[in-house]
Amino acid sequence: MAARSYATVYRILGVPLEYDRKRLRTALISIFALSGTKHIRIHSLAPNYTLSRPSQVATVTFENDPSVLLSGKREGPFALPSEDSSGDSDDEDALDRAKITLDTRFEGLTPLRSFSDEDDHQVE
C-alpha cells in the first residue's frame, strides 16, 4: 500500500472582516503568485474574537505549498493586496496595508464556523 501524503493545513490570522472566501482566495493567489483558484482550498472562514482588532481566521490548504512558504518565510506577515488593481504599489504602500499571518501550530482558539445568531455559539 502506497504511503498517503497529506497537505499542510495553514491557519490564516488577521483576515479583514469584509473578506469573504472568494476575496480571500483572490488575495492568496496574488500574495503567493499562484496560477489559479484550483490550487487553494479554504476549509473555514470565521470571526476571530481572540485578537485585539476585529478580524477573521481561516484554515486553508494548497495543492502545492507556495514556494515562499517552502523557502523559510512560513508565517509572514504578508501584506494583503491593495484595492488598486493596477499592480503599482511601493514598499511604503505595503507598510500601510492589512497583513495576514500563516501558521501551522494552531495554538489557542481557532473558530471554524460562523453563526448568524450569536446565541448559536456554544462551547462544549
PDB file of N, CA and C in Angstrom:
ATOM      1  N   MET A   1       0.834  -1.158   0.000  1.00  0.00           N
ATOM      2  CA  MET A   1       0.000   0.000   0.000  1.00  0.00           C
ATOM      3  C   MET A   1       0.894   1.241   0.000  1.00  0.00           C
ATOM      4  N   ALA A   2       0.623   2.155  -0.897  1.00  0.00           N
ATOM      5  CA  ALA A   2       1.422   3.371  -1.023  1.00  0.00           C
ATOM      6  C   ALA A   2       1.157   4.311   0.149  1.00  0.00           C
ATOM      7  N   ALA A   3       2.199   5.024   0.532  1.00  0.00           N
ATOM      8  CA  ALA A   3       2.054   5.996   1.606  1.00  0.00           C
ATOM      9  C   ALA A   3       1.170   7.150   1.135  1.00  0.00           C
ATOM     10  N   ARG A   4       0.296   7.588   2.015  1.00  0.00           N
ATOM     11  CA  ARG A   4      -0.611   8.674   1.677  1.00  0.00           C
ATOM     12  C   ARG A   4       0.003   9.988   2.148  1.00  0.00           C
ATOM     13  N   SER A   5       0.008  10.984   1.265  1.00  0.00           N
ATOM     14  CA  SER A   5       0.547  12.278   1.662  1.00  0.00           C
ATOM     15  C   SER A   5      -0.602  13.232   1.973  1.00  0.00           C
ATOM     16  N   TYR A   6      -0.417  14.028   2.967  1.00  0.00           N
ATOM     17  CA  TYR A   6      -1.426  14.986   3.392  1.00  0.00           C
ATOM     18  C   TYR A   6      -0.903  16.400   3.164  1.00  0.00           C
ATOM     19  N   ALA A   7      -1.806  17.275   2.788  1.00  0.00           N
ATOM     20  CA  ALA A   7      -1.446  18.678   2.608  1.00  0.00           C
ATOM     21  C   ALA A   7      -1.310  19.337   3.972  1.00  0.00           C
ATOM     22  N   THR A   8      -0.412  20.297   4.063  1.00  0.00           N
ATOM     23  CA  THR A   8      -0.274  21.084   5.286  1.00  0.00           C
ATOM     24  C   THR A   8      -1.479  21.997   5.418  1.00  0.00           C
ATOM     25  N   VAL A   9      -2.095  22.009   6.580  1.00  0.00           N
ATOM     26  CA  VAL A   9      -3.206  22.916   6.845  1.00  0.00           C
ATOM     27  C   VAL A   9      -2.628  24.169   7.489  1.00  0.00           C
ATOM     28  N   TYR A  10      -2.910  25.303   6.879  1.00  0.00           N
ATOM     29  CA  TYR A  10      -2.449  26.586   7.400  1.00  0.00           C
ATOM     30  C   TYR A  10      -3.604  27.324   8.041  1.00  0.00           C
ATOM     31  N   ARG A  11      -3.333  27.928   9.175  1.00  0.00           N
ATOM     32  CA  ARG A  11      -4.285  28.850   9.790  1.00  0.00           C
ATOM     33  C   ARG A  11      -3.853  30.245   9.362  1.00  0.00           C
ATOM     34  N   ILE A  12      -4.811  31.041   8.910  1.00  0.00           N
ATOM     35  CA  ILE A  12      -4.515  32.408   8.491  1.00  0.00           C
ATOM     36  C   ILE A  12      -5.192  33.352   9.476  1.00  0.00           C
ATOM     37  N   LEU A  13      -4.388  34.127  10.160  1.00  0.00           N
ATOM     38  CA  LEU A  13      -4.877  35.098  11.129  1.00  0.00           C
ATOM     39  C   LEU A  13      -4.854  36.495  10.519  1.00  0.00           C
ATOM     40  N   GLY A  14      -5.794  37.343  10.932  1.00  0.00           N
ATOM     41  CA  GLY A  14      -5.795  38.729  10.507  1.00  0.00           C
ATOM     42  C   GLY A  14      -6.574  39.016   9.239  1.00  0.00           C
ATOM     43  N   VAL A  15      -7.441  38.095   8.822  1.00  0.00           N
ATOM     44  CA  VAL A  15      -8.247  38.317   7.623  1.00  0.00           C
ATOM     45  C   VAL A  15      -9.280  39.402   7.935  1.00  0.00           C
ATOM     46  N   PRO A  16      -9.323  40.481   7.139  1.00  0.00           N
ATOM     47  CA  PRO A  16     -10.284  41.555   7.418  1.00  0.00           C
ATOM     48  C   PRO A  16     -11.729  41.050   7.430  1.00  0.00           C
ATOM     49  N   LEU A  17     -12.552  41.686   8.244  1.00  0.00           N
ATOM     50  CA  LEU A  17     -13.949  41.273   8.383  1.00  0.00           C
ATOM     51  C   LEU A  17     -14.719  41.334   7.076  1.00  0.00           C
ATOM     52  N   GLU A  18     -14.359  42.256   6.186  1.00  0.00           N
ATOM     53  CA  GLU A  18     -15.098  42.411   4.935  1.00  0.00           C
ATOM     54  C   GLU A  18     -14.736  41.357   3.882  1.00  0.00           C
ATOM     55  N   TYR A  19     -13.773  40.494   4.180  1.00  0.00           N
ATOM     56  CA  TYR A  19     -13.374  39.457   3.230  1.00  0.00           C
ATOM     57  C   TYR A  19     -14.327  38.273   3.308  1.00  0.00           C
ATOM     58  N   ASP A  20     -14.729  37.778   2.134  1.00  0.00           N
ATOM     59  CA  ASP A  20     -15.433  36.505   2.050  1.00  0.00           C
ATOM     60  C   ASP A  20     -14.442  35.495   1.470  1.00  0.00           C
ATOM     61  N   ARG A  21     -14.877  34.273   1.255  1.00  0.00           N
ATOM     62  CA  ARG A  21     -13.974  33.229   0.751  1.00  0.00           C
ATOM     63  C   ARG A  21     -13.386  33.596  -0.616  1.00  0.00           C
ATOM     64  N   LYS A  22     -14.221  34.149  -1.481  1.00  0.00           N
ATOM     65  CA  LYS A  22     -13.755  34.497  -2.824  1.00  0.00           C
ATOM     66  C   LYS A  22     -12.667  35.571  -2.764  1.00  0.00           C
ATOM     67  N   ARG A  23     -12.890  36.582  -1.947  1.00  0.00           N
ATOM     68  CA  ARG A  23     -11.904  37.662  -1.843  1.00  0.00           C
ATOM     69  C   ARG A  23     -10.615  37.167  -1.186  1.00  0.00           C
ATOM     70  N   LEU A  24     -10.726  36.297  -0.201  1.00  0.00           N
ATOM     71  CA  LEU A  24      -9.534  35.724   0.412  1.00  0.00           C
ATOM     72  C   LEU A  24      -8.762  34.890  -0.603  1.00  0.00           C
ATOM     73  N   ARG A  25      -9.457  34.074  -1.370  1.00  0.00           N
ATOM     74  CA  ARG A  25      -8.814  33.256  -2.393  1.00  0.00           C
ATOM     75  C   ARG A  25      -8.055  34.145  -3.382  1.00  0.00           C
ATOM     76  N   THR A  26      -8.706  35.222  -3.829  1.00  0.00           N
ATOM     77  CA  THR A  26      -8.062  36.147  -4.770  1.00  0.00           C
ATOM     78  C   THR A  26      -6.812  36.768  -4.152  1.00  0.00           C
ATOM     79  N   ALA A  27      -6.892  37.148  -2.877  1.00  0.00           N
ATOM     80  CA  ALA A  27      -5.736  37.730  -2.189  1.00  0.00           C
ATOM     81  C   ALA A  27      -4.593  36.723  -2.089  1.00  0.00           C
ATOM     82  N   LEU A  28      -4.903  35.477  -1.757  1.00  0.00           N
ATOM     83  CA  LEU A  28      -3.857  34.456  -1.638  1.00  0.00           C
ATOM     84  C   LEU A  28      -3.194  34.181  -2.983  1.00  0.00           C
ATOM     85  N   ILE A  29      -3.972  34.178  -4.043  1.00  0.00           N
ATOM     86  CA  ILE A  29      -3.410  33.993  -5.389  1.00  0.00           C
ATOM     87  C   ILE A  29      -2.420  35.112  -5.687  1.00  0.00           C
ATOM     88  N   SER A  30      -2.782  36.341  -5.324  1.00  0.00           N
ATOM     89  CA  SER A  30      -1.906  37.486  -5.563  1.00  0.00           C
ATOM     90  C   SER A  30      -0.656  37.433  -4.685  1.00  0.00           C
ATOM     91  N   ILE A  31      -0.829  37.179  -3.405  1.00  0.00           N
ATOM     92  CA  ILE A  31       0.299  37.167  -2.464  1.00  0.00           C
ATOM     93  C   ILE A  31       1.333  36.113  -2.853  1.00  0.00           C
ATOM     94  N   PHE A  32       0.856  34.928  -3.198  1.00  0.00           N
ATOM     95  CA  PHE A  32       1.765  33.810  -3.445  1.00  0.00           C
ATOM     96  C   PHE A  32       1.998  33.525  -4.924  1.00  0.00           C
ATOM     97  N   ALA A  33       1.525  34.419  -5.803  1.00  0.00           N
ATOM     98  CA  ALA A  33       1.735  34.299  -7.252  1.00  0.00           C
ATOM     99  C   ALA A  33       1.322  32.915  -7.764  1.00  0.00           C
ATOM    100  N   LEU A  34       0.115  32.515  -7.417  1.00  0.00           N
ATOM    101  CA  LEU A  34      -0.403  31.219  -7.846  1.00  0.00           C
ATOM    102  C   LEU A  34      -1.086  31.357  -9.197  1.00  0.00           C
ATOM    103  N   SER A  35      -1.227  30.256  -9.902  1.00  0.00           N
ATOM    104  CA  SER A  35      -1.769  30.313 -11.263  1.00  0.00           C
ATOM    105  C   SER A  35      -3.284  30.198 -11.336  1.00  0.00           C
ATOM    106  N   GLY A  36      -3.960  29.827 -10.262  1.00  0.00           N
ATOM    107  CA  GLY A  36      -5.411  29.718 -10.333  1.00  0.00           C
ATOM    108  C   GLY A  36      -6.026  29.272  -9.029  1.00  0.00           C
ATOM    109  N   THR A  37      -7.363  29.326  -8.988  1.00  0.00           N
ATOM    110  CA  THR A  37      -8.074  29.056  -7.751  1.00  0.00           C
ATOM    111  C   THR A  37      -8.104  27.577  -7.379  1.00  0.00           C
ATOM    112  N   LYS A  38      -7.901  26.696  -8.331  1.00  0.00           N
ATOM    113  CA  LYS A  38      -7.996  25.266  -8.002  1.00  0.00           C
ATOM    114  C   LYS A  38      -6.884  24.811  -7.069  1.00  0.00           C
ATOM    115  N   HIS A  39      -5.869  25.635  -6.889  1.00  0.00           N
ATOM    116  CA  HIS A  39      -4.733  25.250  -6.059  1.00  0.00           C
ATOM    117  C   HIS A  39      -4.922  25.586  -4.585  1.00  0.00           C
ATOM    118  N   ILE A  40      -6.043  26.245  -4.249  1.00  0.00           N
ATOM    119  CA  ILE A  40      -6.304  26.659  -2.871  1.00  0.00           C
ATOM    120  C   ILE A  40      -7.650  26.101  -2.430  1.00  0.00           C
ATOM    121  N   ARG A  41      -7.682  25.535  -1.239  1.00  0.00           N
ATOM    122  CA  ARG A  41      -8.954  25.110  -0.662  1.00  0.00           C
ATOM    123  C   ARG A  41      -9.123  25.817   0.673  1.00  0.00           C
ATOM    124  N   ILE A  42     -10.171  26.624   0.771  1.00  0.00           N
ATOM    125  CA  ILE A  42     -10.466  27.313   2.023  1.00  0.00           C
ATOM    126  C   ILE A  42     -11.457  26.439   2.784  1.00  0.00           C
ATOM    127  N   HIS A  43     -10.999  25.898   3.892  1.00  0.00           N
ATOM    128  CA  HIS A  43     -11.819  24.975   4.673  1.00  0.00           C
ATOM    129  C   HIS A  43     -12.753  25.704   5.625  1.00  0.00           C
ATOM    130  N   SER A  44     -12.301  26.843   6.149  1.00  0.00           N
ATOM    131  CA  SER A  44     -13.139  27.601   7.080  1.00  0.00           C
ATOM    132  C   SER A  44     -12.752  29.074   7.036  1.00  0.00           C
ATOM    133  N   LEU A  45     -13.733  29.918   7.366  1.00  0.00           N
ATOM    134  CA  LEU A  45     -13.531  31.357   7.498  1.00  0.00           C
ATOM    135  C   LEU A  45     -14.541  31.822   8.539  1.00  0.00           C
ATOM    136  N   ALA A  46     -14.037  32.315   9.665  1.00  0.00           N
ATOM    137  CA  ALA A  46     -14.929  32.668  10.778  1.00  0.00           C
ATOM    138  C   ALA A  46     -14.355  33.844  11.552  1.00  0.00           C
ATOM    139  N   PRO A  47     -15.228  34.569  12.275  1.00  0.00           N
ATOM    140  CA  PRO A  47     -14.739  35.676  13.106  1.00  0.00           C
ATOM    141  C   PRO A  47     -13.739  35.179  14.146  1.00  0.00           C
ATOM    142  N   ASN A  48     -12.740  35.998  14.402  1.00  0.00           N
ATOM    143  CA  ASN A  48     -11.732  35.660  15.396  1.00  0.00           C
ATOM    144  C   ASN A  48     -11.857  36.641  16.546  1.00  0.00           C
ATOM    145  N   TYR A  49     -12.288  36.164  17.675  1.00  0.00           N
ATOM    146  CA  TYR A  49     -12.521  37.019  18.827  1.00  0.00           C
ATOM    147  C   TYR A  49     -11.332  37.062  19.776  1.00  0.00           C
ATOM    148  N   THR A  50     -10.210  36.465  19.385  1.00  0.00           N
ATOM    149  CA  THR A  50      -9.074  36.389  20.294  1.00  0.00           C
ATOM    150  C   THR A  50      -8.028  37.462  20.044  1.00  0.00           C
ATOM    151  N   LEU A  51      -8.142  38.236  18.984  1.00  0.00           N
ATOM    152  CA  LEU A  51      -7.170  39.287  18.693  1.00  0.00           C
ATOM    153  C   LEU A  51      -7.694  40.637  19.157  1.00  0.00           C
ATOM    154  N   SER A  52      -6.790  41.587  19.313  1.00  0.00           N
ATOM    155  CA  SER A  52      -7.186  42.907  19.790  1.00  0.00           C
ATOM    156  C   SER A  52      -7.984  43.690  18.752  1.00  0.00           C
ATOM    157  N   ARG A  53      -7.792  43.399  17.468  1.00  0.00           N
ATOM    158  CA  ARG A  53      -8.591  44.081  16.444  1.00  0.00           C
ATOM    159  C   ARG A  53      -9.521  43.064  15.800  1.00  0.00           C
ATOM    160  N   PRO A  54     -10.739  43.500  15.482  1.00  0.00           N
ATOM    161  CA  PRO A  54     -11.690  42.574  14.854  1.00  0.00           C
ATOM    162  C   PRO A  54     -11.147  42.043  13.535  1.00  0.00           C
ATOM    163  N   SER A  55     -11.241  40.748  13.354  1.00  0.00           N
ATOM    164  CA  SER A  55     -10.755  40.112  12.135  1.00  0.00           C
ATOM    165  C   SER A  55     -11.387  38.735  12.014  1.00  0.00           C
ATOM    166  N   GLN A  56     -10.941  38.010  11.005  1.00  0.00           N
ATOM    167  CA  GLN A  56     -11.397  36.638  10.810  1.00  0.00           C
ATOM    168  C   GLN A  56     -10.180  35.712  10.810  1.00  0.00           C
ATOM    169  N   VAL A  57     -10.452  34.449  10.989  1.00  0.00           N
ATOM    170  CA  VAL A  57      -9.422  33.419  10.903  1.00  0.00           C
ATOM    171  C   VAL A  57      -9.895  32.404   9.868  1.00  0.00           C
ATOM    172  N   ALA A  58      -8.963  31.895   9.085  1.00  0.00           N
ATOM    173  CA  ALA A  58      -9.294  30.912   8.051  1.00  0.00           C
ATOM    174  C   ALA A  58      -8.364  29.710   8.187  1.00  0.00           C
ATOM    175  N   THR A  59      -8.811  28.576   7.687  1.00  0.00           N
ATOM    176  CA  THR A  59      -7.942  27.426   7.534  1.00  0.00           C
ATOM    177  C   THR A  59      -7.933  27.084   6.054  1.00  0.00           C
ATOM    178  N   VAL A  60      -6.732  26.874   5.512  1.00  0.00           N
ATOM    179  CA  VAL A  60      -6.589  26.620   4.079  1.00  0.00           C
ATOM    180  C   VAL A  60      -5.540  25.548   3.830  1.00  0.00           C
ATOM    181  N   THR A  61      -5.662  24.918   2.677  1.00  0.00           N
ATOM    182  CA  THR A  61      -4.612  24.044   2.171  1.00  0.00           C
ATOM    183  C   THR A  61      -4.314  24.460   0.742  1.00  0.00           C
ATOM    184  N   PHE A  62      -3.105  24.188   0.320  1.00  0.00           N
ATOM    185  CA  PHE A  62      -2.669  24.444  -1.047  1.00  0.00           C
ATOM    186  C   PHE A  62      -2.377  23.110  -1.707  1.00  0.00           C
ATOM    187  N   GLU A  63      -2.675  23.007  -2.993  1.00  0.00           N
ATOM    188  CA  GLU A  63      -2.344  21.775  -3.717  1.00  0.00           C
ATOM    189  C   GLU A  63      -0.847  21.511  -3.613  1.00  0.00           C
ATOM    190  N   ASN A  64      -0.068  22.552  -3.815  1.00  0.00           N
ATOM    191  CA  ASN A  64       1.374  22.525  -3.599  1.00  0.00           C
ATOM    192  C   ASN A  64       1.710  23.771  -2.786  1.00  0.00           C
ATOM    193  N   ASP A  65       2.475  23.602  -1.708  1.00  0.00           N
ATOM    194  CA  ASP A  65       2.815  24.762  -0.900  1.00  0.00           C
ATOM    195  C   ASP A  65       3.511  25.808  -1.770  1.00  0.00           C
ATOM    196  N   PRO A  66       3.093  27.077  -1.661  1.00  0.00           N
ATOM    197  CA  PRO A  66       3.755  28.136  -2.424  1.00  0.00           C
ATOM    198  C   PRO A  66       5.250  28.185  -2.111  1.00  0.00           C
ATOM    199  N   SER A  67       6.043  28.522  -3.110  1.00  0.00           N
ATOM    200  CA  SER A  67       7.498  28.483  -2.955  1.00  0.00           C
ATOM    201  C   SER A  67       7.988  29.370  -1.817  1.00  0.00           C
ATOM    202  N   VAL A  68       7.337  30.515  -1.587  1.00  0.00           N
ATOM    203  CA  VAL A  68       7.773  31.394  -0.498  1.00  0.00           C
ATOM    204  C   VAL A  68       7.597  30.708   0.856  1.00  0.00           C
ATOM    205  N   LEU A  69       6.604  29.846   0.990  1.00  0.00           N
ATOM    206  CA  LEU A  69       6.406  29.122   2.249  1.00  0.00           C
ATOM    207  C   LEU A  69       7.443  28.021   2.410  1.00  0.00           C
ATOM    208  N   LEU A  70       7.897  27.469   1.304  1.00  0.00           N
ATOM    209  CA  LEU A  70       8.909  26.419   1.359  1.00  0.00           C
ATOM    210  C   LEU A  70      10.309  26.982   1.570  1.00  0.00           C
ATOM    211  N   SER A  71      10.494  28.267   1.238  1.00  0.00           N
ATOM    212  CA  SER A  71      11.828  28.869   1.314  1.00  0.00           C
ATOM    213  C   SER A  71      12.147  29.450   2.684  1.00  0.00           C
ATOM    214  N   GLY A  72      11.296  29.243   3.655  1.00  0.00           N
ATOM    215  CA  GLY A  72      11.619  29.673   5.004  1.00  0.00           C
ATOM    216  C   GLY A  72      10.694  30.732   5.575  1.00  0.00           C
ATOM    217  N   LYS A  73      10.010  31.511   4.751  1.00  0.00           N
ATOM    218  CA  LYS A  73       9.086  32.529   5.272  1.00  0.00           C
ATOM    219  C   LYS A  73       7.725  31.866   5.422  1.00  0.00           C
ATOM    220  N   ARG A  74       7.604  31.018   6.395  1.00  0.00           N
ATOM    221  CA  ARG A  74       6.405  30.199   6.539  1.00  0.00           C
ATOM    222  C   ARG A  74       5.265  30.892   7.254  1.00  0.00           C
ATOM    223  N   GLU A  75       5.525  31.975   7.963  1.00  0.00           N
ATOM    224  CA  GLU A  75       4.454  32.573   8.748  1.00  0.00           C
ATOM    225  C   GLU A  75       4.066  33.971   8.298  1.00  0.00           C
ATOM    226  N   GLY A  76       4.967  34.754   7.843  1.00  0.00           N
ATOM    227  CA  GLY A  76       4.620  36.113   7.448  1.00  0.00           C
ATOM    228  C   GLY A  76       5.193  37.102   8.430  1.00  0.00           C
ATOM    229  N   PRO A  77       4.632  38.264   8.501  1.00  0.00           N
ATOM    230  CA  PRO A  77       3.339  38.676   7.934  1.00  0.00           C
ATOM    231  C   PRO A  77       3.430  38.923   6.429  1.00  0.00           C
ATOM    232  N   PHE A  78       2.284  38.767   5.788  1.00  0.00           N
ATOM    233  CA  PHE A  78       2.154  39.009   4.359  1.00  0.00           C
ATOM    234  C   PHE A  78       1.130  40.122   4.166  1.00  0.00           C
ATOM    235  N   ALA A  79       1.514  41.171   3.433  1.00  0.00           N
ATOM    236  CA  ALA A  79       0.608  42.297   3.187  1.00  0.00           C
ATOM    237  C   ALA A  79      -0.468  41.875   2.202  1.00  0.00           C
ATOM    238  N   LEU A  80      -1.711  42.199   2.524  1.00  0.00           N
ATOM    239  CA  LEU A  80      -2.817  41.919   1.607  1.00  0.00           C
ATOM    240  C   LEU A  80      -2.731  42.864   0.423  1.00  0.00           C
ATOM    241  N   PRO A  81      -3.159  42.422  -0.747  1.00  0.00           N
ATOM    242  CA  PRO A  81      -3.124  43.301  -1.922  1.00  0.00           C
ATOM    243  C   PRO A  81      -4.001  44.527  -1.694  1.00  0.00           C
ATOM    244  N   SER A  82      -3.573  45.647  -2.250  1.00  0.00           N
ATOM    245  CA  SER A  82      -4.376  46.861  -2.129  1.00  0.00           C
ATOM    246  C   SER A  82      -5.572  46.762  -3.059  1.00  0.00           C
ATOM    247  N   GLU A  83      -6.540  47.621  -2.835  1.00  0.00           N
ATOM    248  CA  GLU A  83      -7.731  47.646  -3.692  1.00  0.00           C
ATOM    249  C   GLU A  83      -7.400  48.145  -5.081  1.00  0.00           C
ATOM    250  N   ASP A  84      -6.262  48.831  -5.218  1.00  0.00           N
ATOM    251  CA  ASP A  84      -5.821  49.325  -6.516  1.00  0.00           C
ATOM    252  C   ASP A  84      -5.346  48.138  -7.333  1.00  0.00           C
ATOM    253  N   SER A  85      -6.066  47.804  -8.371  1.00  0.00           N
ATOM    254  CA  SER A  85      -5.741  46.617  -9.162  1.00  0.00           C
ATOM    255  C   SER A  85      -4.702  46.891 -10.232  1.00  0.00           C
ATOM    256  N   SER A  86      -4.113  48.085 -10.254  1.00  0.00           N
ATOM    257  CA  SER A  86      -3.139  48.410 -11.292  1.00  0.00           C
ATOM    258  C   SER A  86      -1.829  47.668 -11.104  1.00  0.00           C
ATOM    259  N   GLY A  87      -1.614  47.179  -9.879  1.00  0.00           N
ATOM    260  CA  GLY A  87      -0.368  46.474  -9.616  1.00  0.00           C
ATOM    261  C   GLY A  87       0.772  47.413  -9.269  1.00  0.00           C
ATOM    262  N   ASP A  88       0.528  48.729  -9.305  1.00  0.00           N
ATOM    263  CA  ASP A  88       1.551  49.701  -8.967  1.00  0.00           C
ATOM    264  C   ASP A  88       1.517  49.954  -7.476  1.00  0.00           C
ATOM    265  N   SER A  89       2.390  49.307  -6.748  1.00  0.00           N
ATOM    266  CA  SER A  89       2.478  49.550  -5.316  1.00  0.00           C
ATOM    267  C   SER A  89       3.939  49.634  -4.945  1.00  0.00           C
ATOM    268  N   ASP A  90       4.237  50.405  -3.920  1.00  0.00           N
ATOM    269  CA  ASP A  90       5.609  50.519  -3.462  1.00  0.00           C
ATOM    270  C   ASP A  90       5.709  49.999  -2.038  1.00  0.00           C
ATOM    271  N   ASP A  91       6.914  50.004  -1.507  1.00  0.00           N
ATOM    272  CA  ASP A  91       7.134  49.452  -0.172  1.00  0.00           C
ATOM    273  C   ASP A  91       6.389  50.235   0.895  1.00  0.00           C
ATOM    274  N   GLU A  92       6.278  51.576   0.752  1.00  0.00           N
ATOM    275  CA  GLU A  92       5.557  52.366   1.742  1.00  0.00           C
ATOM    276  C   GLU A  92       4.081  52.000   1.758  1.00  0.00           C
ATOM    277  N   ASP A  93       3.509  51.760   0.586  1.00  0.00           N
ATOM    278  CA  ASP A  93       2.109  51.359   0.499  1.00  0.00           C
ATOM    279  C   ASP A  93       1.904  50.021   1.208  1.00  0.00           C
ATOM    280  N   ALA A  94       2.833  49.113   1.055  1.00  0.00           N
ATOM    281  CA  ALA A  94       2.729  47.794   1.681  1.00  0.00           C
ATOM    282  C   ALA A  94       2.752  47.896   3.200  1.00  0.00           C
ATOM    283  N   LEU A  95       3.453  48.891   3.746  1.00  0.00           N
ATOM    284  CA  LEU A  95       3.508  49.061   5.192  1.00  0.00           C
ATOM    285  C   LEU A  95       2.163  49.455   5.773  1.00  0.00           C
ATOM    286  N   ASP A  96       1.342  50.164   4.987  1.00  0.00           N
ATOM    287  CA  ASP A  96       0.046  50.640   5.461  1.00  0.00           C
ATOM    288  C   ASP A  96      -1.071  49.613   5.294  1.00  0.00           C
ATOM    289  N   ARG A  97      -0.862  48.597   4.492  1.00  0.00           N
ATOM    290  CA  ARG A  97      -1.926  47.632   4.208  1.00  0.00           C
ATOM    291  C   ARG A  97      -2.054  46.607   5.342  1.00  0.00           C
ATOM    292  N   ALA A  98      -3.263  46.042   5.421  1.00  0.00           N
ATOM    293  CA  ALA A  98      -3.503  44.981   6.403  1.00  0.00           C
ATOM    294  C   ALA A  98      -2.600  43.791   6.097  1.00  0.00           C
ATOM    295  N   LYS A  99      -2.259  43.064   7.139  1.00  0.00           N
ATOM    296  CA  LYS A  99      -1.368  41.914   6.971  1.00  0.00           C
ATOM    297  C   LYS A  99      -2.009  40.664   7.554  1.00  0.00           C
ATOM    298  N   ILE A 100      -1.714  39.552   6.917  1.00  0.00           N
ATOM    299  CA  ILE A 100      -2.156  38.258   7.427  1.00  0.00           C
ATOM    300  C   ILE A 100      -0.928  37.480   7.889  1.00  0.00           C
ATOM    301  N   THR A 101      -1.166  36.550   8.778  1.00  0.00           N
ATOM    302  CA  THR A 101      -0.107  35.686   9.272  1.00  0.00           C
ATOM    303  C   THR A 101      -0.569  34.242   9.119  1.00  0.00           C
ATOM    304  N   LEU A 102       0.308  33.400   8.612  1.00  0.00           N
ATOM    305  CA  LEU A 102       0.023  31.975   8.475  1.00  0.00           C
ATOM    306  C   LEU A 102       0.756  31.224   9.565  1.00  0.00           C
ATOM    307  N   ASP A 103       0.146  30.182  10.070  1.00  0.00           N
ATOM    308  CA  ASP A 103       0.862  29.278  10.958  1.00  0.00           C
ATOM    309  C   ASP A 103       0.291  27.879  10.825  1.00  0.00           C
ATOM    310  N   THR A 104       1.012  26.932  11.379  1.00  0.00           N
ATOM    311  CA  THR A 104       0.581  25.533  11.343  1.00  0.00           C
ATOM    312  C   THR A 104       0.478  24.953  12.744  1.00  0.00           C
ATOM    313  N   ARG A 105       0.709  25.778  13.773  1.00  0.00           N
ATOM    314  CA  ARG A 105       0.735  25.280  15.148  1.00  0.00           C
ATOM    315  C   ARG A 105      -0.634  25.237  15.800  1.00  0.00           C
ATOM    316  N   PHE A 106      -1.550  26.097  15.379  1.00  0.00           N
ATOM    317  CA  PHE A 106      -2.918  26.134  15.899  1.00  0.00           C
ATOM    318  C   PHE A 106      -2.954  26.219  17.414  1.00  0.00           C
ATOM    319  N   GLU A 107      -2.095  27.061  17.990  1.00  0.00           N
ATOM    320  CA  GLU A 107      -2.131  27.270  19.435  1.00  0.00           C
ATOM    321  C   GLU A 107      -3.252  28.246  19.745  1.00  0.00           C
ATOM    322  N   GLY A 108      -4.034  27.958  20.762  1.00  0.00           N
ATOM    323  CA  GLY A 108      -5.141  28.823  21.129  1.00  0.00           C
ATOM    324  C   GLY A 108      -6.410  28.433  20.398  1.00  0.00           C
ATOM    325  N   LEU A 109      -7.403  29.295  20.491  1.00  0.00           N
ATOM    326  CA  LEU A 109      -8.711  29.037  19.905  1.00  0.00           C
ATOM    327  C   LEU A 109      -8.698  29.334  18.402  1.00  0.00           C
ATOM    328  N   THR A 110      -9.231  28.427  17.605  1.00  0.00           N
ATOM    329  CA  THR A 110      -9.363  28.635  16.166  1.00  0.00           C
ATOM    330  C   THR A 110     -10.811  28.385  15.771  1.00  0.00           C
ATOM    331  N   PRO A 111     -11.620  29.456  15.639  1.00  0.00           N
ATOM    332  CA  PRO A 111     -13.012  29.261  15.226  1.00  0.00           C
ATOM    333  C   PRO A 111     -13.054  28.667  13.813  1.00  0.00           C
ATOM    334  N   LEU A 112     -13.905  27.688  13.626  1.00  0.00           N
ATOM    335  CA  LEU A 112     -14.016  27.046  12.322  1.00  0.00           C
ATOM    336  C   LEU A 112     -15.341  27.327  11.640  1.00  0.00           C
ATOM    337  N   ARG A 113     -16.225  28.025  12.319  1.00  0.00           N
ATOM    338  CA  ARG A 113     -17.540  28.276  11.753  1.00  0.00           C
ATOM    339  C   ARG A 113     -18.098  29.578  12.293  1.00  0.00           C
ATOM    340  N   SER A 114     -18.893  30.236  11.472  1.00  0.00           N
ATOM    341  CA  SER A 114     -19.556  31.466  11.876  1.00  0.00           C
ATOM    342  C   SER A 114     -21.054  31.224  11.929  1.00  0.00           C
ATOM    343  N   PHE A 115     -21.728  31.841  12.902  1.00  0.00           N
ATOM    344  CA  PHE A 115     -23.174  31.708  13.043  1.00  0.00           C
ATOM    345  C   PHE A 115     -23.814  33.077  12.859  1.00  0.00           C
ATOM    346  N   SER A 116     -25.012  33.104  12.281  1.00  0.00           N
ATOM    347  CA  SER A 116     -25.703  34.379  12.100  1.00  0.00           C
ATOM    348  C   SER A 116     -26.271  34.877  13.421  1.00  0.00           C
ATOM    349  N   ASP A 117     -26.558  33.984  14.333  1.00  0.00           N
ATOM    350  CA  ASP A 117     -27.119  34.363  15.635  1.00  0.00           C
ATOM    351  C   ASP A 117     -26.085  34.043  16.708  1.00  0.00           C
ATOM    352  N   GLU A 118     -25.666  35.067  17.459  1.00  0.00           N
ATOM    353  CA  GLU A 118     -24.636  34.871  18.478  1.00  0.00           C
ATOM    354  C   GLU A 118     -25.022  33.829  19.506  1.00  0.00           C
ATOM    355  N   ASP A 119     -26.315  33.635  19.758  1.00  0.00           N
ATOM    356  CA  ASP A 119     -26.751  32.631  20.731  1.00  0.00           C
ATOM    357  C   ASP A 119     -26.438  31.205  20.289  1.00  0.00           C
ATOM    358  N   ASP A 120     -26.171  31.023  18.993  1.00  0.00           N
ATOM    359  CA  ASP A 120     -25.839  29.692  18.483  1.00  0.00           C
ATOM    360  C   ASP A 120     -24.394  29.291  18.788  1.00  0.00           C
ATOM    361  N   HIS A 121     -23.547  30.261  19.194  1.00  0.00           N
ATOM    362  CA  HIS A 121     -22.166  29.951  19.550  1.00  0.00           C
ATOM    363  C   HIS A 121     -22.169  29.252  20.903  1.00  0.00           C
ATOM    364  N   GLN A 122     -21.710  28.011  20.919  1.00  0.00           N
ATOM    365  CA  GLN A 122     -21.685  27.251  22.161  1.00  0.00           C
ATOM    366  C   GLN A 122     -20.333  26.545  22.290  1.00  0.00           C
ATOM    367  N   VAL A 123     -19.927  26.377  23.516  1.00  0.00           N
ATOM    368  CA  VAL A 123     -18.695  25.669  23.811  1.00  0.00           C
ATOM    369  C   VAL A 123     -19.080  24.424  24.591  1.00  0.00           C
ATOM    370  N   GLU A 124     -18.559  23.305  24.168  1.00  0.00           N
ATOM    371  CA  GLU A 124     -18.861  22.049  24.856  1.00  0.00           C
ATOM    372  C   GLU A 124     -17.809  21.763  25.897  1.00  0.00           C
TER     373      GLU A 124
END
